[in-house]
Amino acid sequence: MSGPAAELLNEKLEGLKVQFQTHVNALKAAGNALTVTAQAYGYTEEQIKASFDPENPLCEAEGGLS
C-alpha cells in the first residue's frame, strides 16, 4: 500500500474509532440514566442487574423489570 493510501486509510479508521467511541459513551450514559431511574422507582442494584440476565424469568423481550 502506498504512503498516501495508508494515510487516507488511517484517517478513515480514526474517524470510525471516534464515531464508535461516541456511540459507546452515549450508550453508557443511557445505561446510567436508566439505572438512576430504576433506583428512583425503588429497584435495588441486584434487581437491576438481574433484569438484564436472559436466564432470569423477569427478563422478557417486552418485560424487563416488572
N, C-alpha and C. Protein backbone atom coordinates (compact mmCIF):
# COMPACT_ATOMS: atom_id res chain seq x y z
N MET A 1 0.85 -1.16 0.00
CA MET A 1 0.00 0.00 0.00
C MET A 1 0.91 1.23 0.00
N SER A 2 0.52 2.18 -0.81
CA SER A 2 1.33 3.39 -0.91
C SER A 2 1.17 4.24 0.35
N GLY A 3 2.09 5.13 0.55
CA GLY A 3 2.05 6.02 1.71
C GLY A 3 0.78 6.86 1.77
N PRO A 4 0.41 7.53 0.67
CA PRO A 4 -0.82 8.33 0.70
C PRO A 4 -2.07 7.48 0.95
N ALA A 5 -2.12 6.28 0.37
CA ALA A 5 -3.27 5.39 0.59
C ALA A 5 -3.34 4.95 2.05
N ALA A 6 -2.19 4.64 2.61
CA ALA A 6 -2.14 4.23 4.02
C ALA A 6 -2.58 5.38 4.92
N GLU A 7 -2.18 6.59 4.57
CA GLU A 7 -2.55 7.76 5.37
C GLU A 7 -4.07 7.98 5.32
N LEU A 8 -4.65 7.86 4.12
CA LEU A 8 -6.11 8.00 3.98
C LEU A 8 -6.85 6.93 4.77
N LEU A 9 -6.35 5.71 4.69
CA LEU A 9 -6.97 4.62 5.43
C LEU A 9 -6.91 4.89 6.93
N ASN A 10 -5.78 5.31 7.41
CA ASN A 10 -5.64 5.61 8.84
C ASN A 10 -6.58 6.73 9.27
N GLU A 11 -6.75 7.74 8.41
CA GLU A 11 -7.67 8.83 8.73
C GLU A 11 -9.11 8.32 8.82
N LYS A 12 -9.48 7.46 7.87
CA LYS A 12 -10.83 6.89 7.88
C LYS A 12 -11.04 6.03 9.12
N LEU A 13 -10.05 5.21 9.45
CA LEU A 13 -10.17 4.34 10.62
C LEU A 13 -10.25 5.16 11.91
N GLU A 14 -9.49 6.23 11.99
CA GLU A 14 -9.54 7.09 13.17
C GLU A 14 -10.92 7.74 13.30
N GLY A 15 -11.48 8.15 12.16
CA GLY A 15 -12.82 8.72 12.17
C GLY A 15 -13.86 7.72 12.66
N LEU A 16 -13.75 6.47 12.22
CA LEU A 16 -14.65 5.42 12.68
C LEU A 16 -14.48 5.16 14.17
N LYS A 17 -13.23 5.18 14.61
CA LYS A 17 -12.96 4.95 16.03
C LYS A 17 -13.63 6.03 16.88
N VAL A 18 -13.51 7.27 16.47
CA VAL A 18 -14.13 8.38 17.20
C VAL A 18 -15.65 8.23 17.19
N GLN A 19 -16.20 7.88 16.04
CA GLN A 19 -17.65 7.71 15.92
C GLN A 19 -18.14 6.58 16.83
N PHE A 20 -17.46 5.45 16.81
CA PHE A 20 -17.86 4.32 17.66
C PHE A 20 -17.71 4.67 19.13
N GLN A 21 -16.66 5.38 19.50
CA GLN A 21 -16.47 5.75 20.90
C GLN A 21 -17.58 6.70 21.35
N THR A 22 -18.01 7.57 20.46
CA THR A 22 -19.12 8.47 20.77
C THR A 22 -20.39 7.66 21.05
N HIS A 23 -20.63 6.64 20.23
CA HIS A 23 -21.80 5.77 20.44
C HIS A 23 -21.69 5.00 21.75
N VAL A 24 -20.51 4.50 22.05
CA VAL A 24 -20.30 3.77 23.30
C VAL A 24 -20.56 4.69 24.49
N ASN A 25 -20.05 5.90 24.43
CA ASN A 25 -20.26 6.86 25.52
C ASN A 25 -21.74 7.18 25.69
N ALA A 26 -22.46 7.32 24.57
CA ALA A 26 -23.90 7.60 24.65
C ALA A 26 -24.65 6.42 25.26
N LEU A 27 -24.27 5.20 24.90
CA LEU A 27 -24.91 4.02 25.48
C LEU A 27 -24.63 3.91 26.97
N LYS A 28 -23.41 4.21 27.38
CA LYS A 28 -23.08 4.20 28.80
C LYS A 28 -23.91 5.23 29.56
N ALA A 29 -24.04 6.42 29.00
CA ALA A 29 -24.82 7.47 29.64
C ALA A 29 -26.29 7.06 29.74
N ALA A 30 -26.81 6.45 28.69
CA ALA A 30 -28.20 5.99 28.71
C ALA A 30 -28.39 4.90 29.76
N GLY A 31 -27.43 3.98 29.85
CA GLY A 31 -27.50 2.93 30.87
C GLY A 31 -27.47 3.50 32.27
N ASN A 32 -26.62 4.49 32.47
CA ASN A 32 -26.54 5.13 33.79
C ASN A 32 -27.85 5.84 34.12
N ALA A 33 -28.43 6.51 33.14
CA ALA A 33 -29.70 7.20 33.36
C ALA A 33 -30.81 6.21 33.69
N LEU A 34 -30.82 5.07 33.01
CA LEU A 34 -31.81 4.04 33.29
C LEU A 34 -31.63 3.47 34.69
N THR A 35 -30.39 3.31 35.11
CA THR A 35 -30.11 2.81 36.46
C THR A 35 -30.65 3.78 37.50
N VAL A 36 -30.37 5.06 37.31
CA VAL A 36 -30.85 6.08 38.24
C VAL A 36 -32.38 6.08 38.28
N THR A 37 -33.01 5.96 37.13
CA THR A 37 -34.47 5.94 37.07
C THR A 37 -35.02 4.71 37.79
N ALA A 38 -34.44 3.55 37.54
CA ALA A 38 -34.90 2.32 38.20
C ALA A 38 -34.73 2.43 39.71
N GLN A 39 -33.61 3.00 40.15
CA GLN A 39 -33.39 3.19 41.59
C GLN A 39 -34.42 4.16 42.17
N ALA A 40 -34.80 5.17 41.41
CA ALA A 40 -35.81 6.12 41.87
C ALA A 40 -37.16 5.43 42.05
N TYR A 41 -37.39 4.36 41.29
CA TYR A 41 -38.62 3.58 41.43
C TYR A 41 -38.49 2.51 42.51
N GLY A 42 -37.34 2.47 43.18
CA GLY A 42 -37.17 1.57 44.30
C GLY A 42 -36.51 0.24 44.00
N TYR A 43 -36.02 0.05 42.78
CA TYR A 43 -35.34 -1.20 42.44
C TYR A 43 -33.93 -1.18 43.01
N THR A 44 -33.48 -2.33 43.48
CA THR A 44 -32.13 -2.45 44.01
C THR A 44 -31.14 -2.73 42.88
N GLU A 45 -29.87 -2.56 43.17
CA GLU A 45 -28.83 -2.85 42.18
C GLU A 45 -28.93 -4.30 41.73
N GLU A 46 -29.21 -5.20 42.67
CA GLU A 46 -29.34 -6.63 42.33
C GLU A 46 -30.50 -6.86 41.37
N GLN A 47 -31.62 -6.21 41.62
CA GLN A 47 -32.78 -6.36 40.73
C GLN A 47 -32.48 -5.78 39.34
N ILE A 48 -31.78 -4.68 39.31
CA ILE A 48 -31.44 -4.06 38.03
C ILE A 48 -30.53 -4.98 37.23
N LYS A 49 -29.49 -5.52 37.87
CA LYS A 49 -28.59 -6.44 37.18
C LYS A 49 -29.32 -7.67 36.71
N ALA A 50 -30.20 -8.22 37.56
CA ALA A 50 -30.94 -9.43 37.21
C ALA A 50 -31.86 -9.20 36.02
N SER A 51 -32.32 -7.96 35.84
CA SER A 51 -33.24 -7.67 34.74
C SER A 51 -32.57 -7.80 33.37
N PHE A 52 -31.24 -7.76 33.33
CA PHE A 52 -30.51 -7.90 32.07
C PHE A 52 -30.04 -9.33 31.81
N ASP A 53 -30.31 -10.24 32.73
CA ASP A 53 -29.90 -11.63 32.60
C ASP A 53 -30.96 -12.39 31.81
N PRO A 54 -30.62 -12.87 30.61
CA PRO A 54 -31.61 -13.56 29.79
C PRO A 54 -32.13 -14.85 30.44
N GLU A 55 -31.41 -15.39 31.40
CA GLU A 55 -31.85 -16.59 32.12
C GLU A 55 -32.86 -16.25 33.22
N ASN A 56 -32.97 -14.98 33.54
CA ASN A 56 -33.88 -14.53 34.60
C ASN A 56 -35.30 -14.49 34.05
N PRO A 57 -36.25 -15.10 34.75
CA PRO A 57 -37.63 -15.09 34.24
C PRO A 57 -38.25 -13.69 34.15
N LEU A 58 -37.69 -12.72 34.89
CA LEU A 58 -38.20 -11.35 34.81
C LEU A 58 -37.71 -10.62 33.57
N CYS A 59 -36.68 -11.16 32.93
CA CYS A 59 -36.11 -10.52 31.74
C CYS A 59 -36.78 -11.11 30.51
N GLU A 60 -37.77 -10.41 29.99
CA GLU A 60 -38.51 -10.86 28.83
C GLU A 60 -38.30 -9.86 27.70
N ALA A 61 -38.63 -10.29 26.51
CA ALA A 61 -38.45 -9.41 25.35
C ALA A 61 -39.18 -8.09 25.53
N GLU A 62 -40.35 -8.12 26.12
CA GLU A 62 -41.11 -6.90 26.28
C GLU A 62 -41.16 -6.44 27.74
N GLY A 63 -40.71 -7.30 28.67
CA GLY A 63 -40.94 -7.01 30.07
C GLY A 63 -39.83 -6.28 30.77
N GLY A 64 -38.72 -6.94 31.00
CA GLY A 64 -37.66 -6.35 31.81
C GLY A 64 -38.09 -6.29 33.25
N LEU A 65 -37.82 -5.20 33.92
CA LEU A 65 -38.24 -5.04 35.31
C LEU A 65 -39.76 -4.98 35.37
N SER A 66 -40.32 -5.75 36.28
CA SER A 66 -41.78 -5.69 36.42
C SER A 66 -42.19 -5.79 37.86
